[in-house]
Amino acid sequence: MPSSAEYIPRLVDRELKDMLKTMGGVVIEGPRACGKTVTGRHHSQSEVLLDVDANARRLIGLNPRLVLQSPAPRLIDEWQLEPEVWNHIRREIDERQDAGQFIL
């Protein structure tokens, strides 16, 4: 993850920070190459990059909890490559009953 000295602040930072204080998960949407992953990394404590981590994609089919269990907030980047993970994330949020669990 980039250090905070390398991060270029974005307008969405405050809104994302506020949302993570009240919601279990937050989805960052935008066009390609606009900084979604960098922004998510800046606000997360752990990450899984599903576009480059084939093992994580396979693990989602076997035991998705193993992919979701890491320090929160956990960035699940390119989650749409494994859309079934969406329901597992929702279930984790419901079970944990805590804000700031996931950034997608």
N, C-alpha and C. Protein backbone atom coordinates (compact mmCIF):
# COMPACT_ATOMS: atom_id res chain seq x y z
N MET A 1 0.84 -1.18 0.00
CA MET A 1 0.00 0.00 0.00
C MET A 1 0.88 1.24 0.00
N PRO A 2 0.46 2.28 -0.74
CA PRO A 2 1.27 3.49 -0.76
C PRO A 2 1.26 4.17 0.59
N SER A 3 2.35 4.84 0.91
CA SER A 3 2.38 5.59 2.17
C SER A 3 1.51 6.83 2.04
N SER A 4 1.11 7.38 3.17
CA SER A 4 0.25 8.56 3.13
C SER A 4 0.96 9.74 2.49
N ALA A 5 2.31 9.77 2.49
CA ALA A 5 3.04 10.86 1.85
C ALA A 5 2.89 10.82 0.33
N GLU A 6 2.67 9.63 -0.23
CA GLU A 6 2.53 9.47 -1.67
C GLU A 6 1.09 9.68 -2.15
N TYR A 7 0.16 9.59 -1.26
CA TYR A 7 -1.26 9.66 -1.63
C TYR A 7 -1.66 11.09 -1.97
N ILE A 8 -2.36 11.25 -3.08
CA ILE A 8 -2.88 12.55 -3.47
C ILE A 8 -4.33 12.61 -2.98
N PRO A 9 -4.62 13.49 -2.03
CA PRO A 9 -5.99 13.57 -1.50
C PRO A 9 -7.02 13.82 -2.60
N ARG A 10 -8.20 13.23 -2.39
CA ARG A 10 -9.30 13.34 -3.35
C ARG A 10 -10.53 13.91 -2.66
N LEU A 11 -11.42 14.46 -3.45
CA LEU A 11 -12.65 15.03 -2.90
C LEU A 11 -13.48 13.99 -2.17
N VAL A 12 -13.41 12.76 -2.59
CA VAL A 12 -14.24 11.70 -2.02
C VAL A 12 -13.73 11.20 -0.67
N ASP A 13 -12.52 11.56 -0.28
CA ASP A 13 -11.93 11.04 0.95
C ASP A 13 -12.79 11.27 2.19
N ARG A 14 -13.25 12.48 2.39
CA ARG A 14 -14.05 12.78 3.58
C ARG A 14 -15.36 11.99 3.57
N GLU A 15 -16.01 11.94 2.41
CA GLU A 15 -17.26 11.20 2.31
C GLU A 15 -17.04 9.71 2.59
N LEU A 16 -15.98 9.15 2.03
CA LEU A 16 -15.68 7.74 2.26
C LEU A 16 -15.39 7.47 3.74
N LYS A 17 -14.61 8.33 4.33
CA LYS A 17 -14.28 8.19 5.76
C LYS A 17 -15.55 8.24 6.62
N ASP A 18 -16.43 9.18 6.31
CA ASP A 18 -17.69 9.29 7.05
C ASP A 18 -18.57 8.06 6.85
N MET A 19 -18.63 7.56 5.62
CA MET A 19 -19.46 6.39 5.34
C MET A 19 -18.93 5.15 6.08
N LEU A 20 -17.62 5.02 6.16
CA LEU A 20 -17.04 3.87 6.85
C LEU A 20 -17.32 3.91 8.35
N LYS A 21 -17.63 5.08 8.88
CA LYS A 21 -17.96 5.19 10.31
C LYS A 21 -19.37 4.70 10.61
N THR A 22 -20.23 4.65 9.58
CA THR A 22 -21.63 4.32 9.82
C THR A 22 -22.13 3.09 9.07
N MET A 23 -21.42 2.65 8.04
CA MET A 23 -21.88 1.53 7.21
C MET A 23 -20.88 0.39 7.27
N GLY A 24 -21.39 -0.82 7.13
CA GLY A 24 -20.53 -1.99 7.14
C GLY A 24 -19.67 -2.12 5.90
N GLY A 25 -20.17 -1.64 4.77
CA GLY A 25 -19.43 -1.71 3.52
C GLY A 25 -19.73 -0.53 2.64
N VAL A 26 -18.74 -0.16 1.83
CA VAL A 26 -18.88 0.98 0.92
C VAL A 26 -18.36 0.55 -0.45
N VAL A 27 -19.10 0.86 -1.49
CA VAL A 27 -18.69 0.59 -2.86
C VAL A 27 -18.20 1.88 -3.48
N ILE A 28 -16.99 1.84 -4.04
CA ILE A 28 -16.45 2.99 -4.78
C ILE A 28 -16.68 2.71 -6.26
N GLU A 29 -17.38 3.62 -6.92
CA GLU A 29 -17.66 3.47 -8.35
C GLU A 29 -17.05 4.64 -9.11
N GLY A 30 -16.68 4.36 -10.35
CA GLY A 30 -16.15 5.41 -11.21
C GLY A 30 -15.56 4.79 -12.46
N PRO A 31 -15.15 5.63 -13.41
CA PRO A 31 -14.56 5.11 -14.65
C PRO A 31 -13.19 4.48 -14.39
N ARG A 32 -12.74 3.73 -15.37
CA ARG A 32 -11.42 3.09 -15.26
C ARG A 32 -10.34 4.13 -15.05
N ALA A 33 -9.36 3.75 -14.27
CA ALA A 33 -8.14 4.55 -14.06
C ALA A 33 -8.40 5.93 -13.45
N CYS A 34 -9.46 6.03 -12.62
CA CYS A 34 -9.73 7.32 -11.98
C CYS A 34 -9.20 7.37 -10.54
N GLY A 35 -8.63 6.26 -10.05
CA GLY A 35 -8.06 6.25 -8.71
C GLY A 35 -8.87 5.50 -7.67
N LYS A 36 -9.81 4.66 -8.08
CA LYS A 36 -10.65 3.93 -7.13
C LYS A 36 -9.81 3.01 -6.23
N THR A 37 -8.92 2.24 -6.83
CA THR A 37 -8.11 1.31 -6.05
C THR A 37 -7.17 2.05 -5.11
N VAL A 38 -6.53 3.08 -5.59
CA VAL A 38 -5.61 3.85 -4.74
C VAL A 38 -6.36 4.47 -3.57
N THR A 39 -7.54 4.99 -3.84
CA THR A 39 -8.36 5.58 -2.78
C THR A 39 -8.77 4.49 -1.78
N GLY A 40 -9.24 3.35 -2.28
CA GLY A 40 -9.61 2.25 -1.40
C GLY A 40 -8.45 1.78 -0.55
N ARG A 41 -7.28 1.68 -1.15
CA ARG A 41 -6.08 1.27 -0.40
C ARG A 41 -5.74 2.26 0.70
N HIS A 42 -5.90 3.52 0.40
CA HIS A 42 -5.57 4.56 1.38
C HIS A 42 -6.43 4.44 2.64
N HIS A 43 -7.66 3.99 2.46
CA HIS A 43 -8.61 3.92 3.57
C HIS A 43 -8.74 2.52 4.16
N SER A 44 -7.99 1.54 3.64
CA SER A 44 -8.13 0.16 4.12
C SER A 44 -6.95 -0.26 4.99
N GLN A 45 -7.17 -1.34 5.73
CA GLN A 45 -6.12 -1.95 6.55
C GLN A 45 -5.60 -3.24 5.92
N SER A 46 -6.36 -3.79 4.98
CA SER A 46 -5.95 -5.01 4.29
C SER A 46 -6.64 -5.02 2.93
N GLU A 47 -6.17 -5.88 2.06
CA GLU A 47 -6.74 -5.90 0.71
C GLU A 47 -6.61 -7.27 0.08
N VAL A 48 -7.48 -7.50 -0.90
CA VAL A 48 -7.36 -8.63 -1.81
C VAL A 48 -7.68 -8.07 -3.19
N LEU A 49 -6.80 -8.36 -4.14
CA LEU A 49 -6.93 -7.85 -5.51
C LEU A 49 -7.37 -9.01 -6.41
N LEU A 50 -8.66 -9.13 -6.64
CA LEU A 50 -9.19 -10.30 -7.33
C LEU A 50 -8.81 -10.35 -8.80
N ASP A 51 -8.38 -9.26 -9.38
CA ASP A 51 -7.97 -9.30 -10.78
C ASP A 51 -6.60 -9.96 -10.96
N VAL A 52 -5.79 -10.01 -9.92
CA VAL A 52 -4.45 -10.59 -10.04
C VAL A 52 -4.21 -11.76 -9.09
N ASP A 53 -5.12 -12.02 -8.16
CA ASP A 53 -4.93 -13.08 -7.18
C ASP A 53 -5.85 -14.26 -7.50
N ALA A 54 -5.35 -15.16 -8.35
CA ALA A 54 -6.15 -16.32 -8.76
C ALA A 54 -6.47 -17.22 -7.58
N ASN A 55 -5.56 -17.33 -6.62
CA ASN A 55 -5.83 -18.16 -5.43
C ASN A 55 -7.01 -17.62 -4.64
N ALA A 56 -7.09 -16.32 -4.49
CA ALA A 56 -8.22 -15.72 -3.76
C ALA A 56 -9.52 -15.98 -4.51
N ARG A 57 -9.49 -15.88 -5.84
CA ARG A 57 -10.70 -16.16 -6.62
C ARG A 57 -11.15 -17.60 -6.42
N ARG A 58 -10.21 -18.54 -6.42
CA ARG A 58 -10.57 -19.95 -6.19
C ARG A 58 -11.10 -20.15 -4.78
N LEU A 59 -10.49 -19.48 -3.83
CA LEU A 59 -10.88 -19.62 -2.44
C LEU A 59 -12.30 -19.11 -2.20
N ILE A 60 -12.72 -18.12 -2.95
CA ILE A 60 -14.09 -17.61 -2.82
C ILE A 60 -15.09 -18.73 -3.10
N GLY A 61 -14.78 -19.60 -4.07
CA GLY A 61 -15.66 -20.72 -4.37
C GLY A 61 -15.63 -21.81 -3.32
N LEU A 62 -14.54 -21.91 -2.58
CA LEU A 62 -14.39 -22.96 -1.57
C LEU A 62 -14.79 -22.51 -0.17
N ASN A 63 -14.23 -21.37 0.24
CA ASN A 63 -14.50 -20.85 1.59
C ASN A 63 -14.30 -19.34 1.58
N PRO A 64 -15.32 -18.59 1.17
CA PRO A 64 -15.17 -17.14 1.02
C PRO A 64 -14.79 -16.42 2.31
N ARG A 65 -15.14 -16.98 3.44
CA ARG A 65 -14.79 -16.33 4.71
C ARG A 65 -13.29 -16.14 4.87
N LEU A 66 -12.51 -17.06 4.31
CA LEU A 66 -11.05 -16.95 4.41
C LEU A 66 -10.54 -15.72 3.65
N VAL A 67 -11.22 -15.37 2.58
CA VAL A 67 -10.84 -14.18 1.80
C VAL A 67 -11.28 -12.91 2.53
N LEU A 68 -12.36 -13.00 3.27
CA LEU A 68 -12.92 -11.82 3.93
C LEU A 68 -12.31 -11.56 5.30
N GLN A 69 -11.65 -12.55 5.88
CA GLN A 69 -11.10 -12.41 7.23
C GLN A 69 -9.72 -11.76 7.20
N SER A 70 -9.66 -10.52 7.50
CA SER A 70 -8.42 -9.75 7.62
C SER A 70 -8.76 -8.44 8.29
N PRO A 71 -7.75 -7.69 8.70
CA PRO A 71 -8.06 -6.43 9.37
C PRO A 71 -8.97 -5.52 8.54
N ALA A 72 -9.90 -4.90 9.21
CA ALA A 72 -10.88 -4.03 8.56
C ALA A 72 -10.46 -2.56 8.69
N PRO A 73 -10.85 -1.79 7.72
CA PRO A 73 -11.61 -2.16 6.54
C PRO A 73 -10.75 -2.96 5.55
N ARG A 74 -11.39 -3.93 4.93
CA ARG A 74 -10.73 -4.80 3.94
C ARG A 74 -11.17 -4.37 2.56
N LEU A 75 -10.21 -4.03 1.71
CA LEU A 75 -10.48 -3.69 0.32
C LEU A 75 -10.63 -4.97 -0.48
N ILE A 76 -11.78 -5.13 -1.12
CA ILE A 76 -12.02 -6.24 -2.04
C ILE A 76 -12.05 -5.61 -3.42
N ASP A 77 -10.89 -5.58 -4.07
CA ASP A 77 -10.76 -4.89 -5.35
C ASP A 77 -11.16 -5.81 -6.50
N GLU A 78 -11.89 -5.26 -7.45
CA GLU A 78 -12.40 -5.98 -8.62
C GLU A 78 -13.32 -7.13 -8.20
N TRP A 79 -14.14 -6.89 -7.20
CA TRP A 79 -15.06 -7.91 -6.68
C TRP A 79 -16.00 -8.44 -7.76
N GLN A 80 -16.30 -7.62 -8.77
CA GLN A 80 -17.25 -8.03 -9.81
C GLN A 80 -16.74 -9.22 -10.62
N LEU A 81 -15.45 -9.54 -10.53
CA LEU A 81 -14.92 -10.73 -11.20
C LEU A 81 -15.42 -12.01 -10.54
N GLU A 82 -15.82 -11.92 -9.29
CA GLU A 82 -16.38 -13.04 -8.53
C GLU A 82 -17.66 -12.54 -7.86
N PRO A 83 -18.72 -12.32 -8.65
CA PRO A 83 -19.91 -11.66 -8.11
C PRO A 83 -20.58 -12.37 -6.93
N GLU A 84 -20.35 -13.68 -6.77
CA GLU A 84 -20.97 -14.37 -5.63
C GLU A 84 -20.40 -13.88 -4.30
N VAL A 85 -19.24 -13.24 -4.33
CA VAL A 85 -18.66 -12.72 -3.08
C VAL A 85 -19.54 -11.62 -2.48
N TRP A 86 -20.34 -10.96 -3.31
CA TRP A 86 -21.22 -9.89 -2.84
C TRP A 86 -22.12 -10.38 -1.70
N ASN A 87 -22.76 -11.53 -1.90
CA ASN A 87 -23.66 -12.06 -0.87
C ASN A 87 -22.91 -12.45 0.39
N HIS A 88 -21.70 -12.95 0.24
CA HIS A 88 -20.90 -13.32 1.41
C HIS A 88 -20.48 -12.07 2.19
N ILE A 89 -20.17 -11.01 1.48
CA ILE A 89 -19.81 -9.74 2.14
C ILE A 89 -21.02 -9.21 2.91
N ARG A 90 -22.17 -9.22 2.28
CA ARG A 90 -23.40 -8.75 2.96
C ARG A 90 -23.65 -9.57 4.23
N ARG A 91 -23.48 -10.88 4.13
CA ARG A 91 -23.70 -11.76 5.28
C ARG A 91 -22.70 -11.45 6.40
N GLU A 92 -21.44 -11.24 6.04
CA GLU A 92 -20.41 -10.89 7.04
C GLU A 92 -20.76 -9.58 7.74
N ILE A 93 -21.21 -8.60 6.96
CA ILE A 93 -21.59 -7.31 7.54
C ILE A 93 -22.74 -7.51 8.53
N ASP A 94 -23.74 -8.28 8.13
CA ASP A 94 -24.89 -8.55 9.01
C ASP A 94 -24.46 -9.27 10.29
N GLU A 95 -23.58 -10.25 10.15
CA GLU A 95 -23.15 -11.02 11.32
C GLU A 95 -22.26 -10.23 12.25
N ARG A 96 -21.37 -9.43 11.71
CA ARG A 96 -20.43 -8.67 12.54
C ARG A 96 -21.09 -7.48 13.22
N GLN A 97 -22.10 -6.92 12.57
CA GLN A 97 -22.81 -5.76 13.14
C GLN A 97 -21.83 -4.63 13.51
N ASP A 98 -20.91 -4.34 12.60
CA ASP A 98 -19.92 -3.31 12.86
C ASP A 98 -19.71 -2.48 11.60
N ALA A 99 -19.45 -1.22 11.77
CA ALA A 99 -19.19 -0.32 10.63
C ALA A 99 -17.77 -0.51 10.13
N GLY A 100 -17.55 -0.06 8.90
CA GLY A 100 -16.21 0.01 8.34
C GLY A 100 -15.55 -1.32 8.07
N GLN A 101 -16.30 -2.31 7.64
CA GLN A 101 -15.74 -3.65 7.39
C GLN A 101 -15.10 -3.81 6.01
N PHE A 102 -15.80 -3.33 4.99
CA PHE A 102 -15.35 -3.60 3.62
C PHE A 102 -15.42 -2.36 2.73
N ILE A 103 -14.45 -2.27 1.84
CA ILE A 103 -14.46 -1.30 0.74
C ILE A 103 -14.40 -2.12 -0.54
N LEU A 104 -15.34 -1.89 -1.42
CA LEU A 104 -15.36 -2.61 -2.69
C LEU A 104 -15.15 -1.62 -3.83
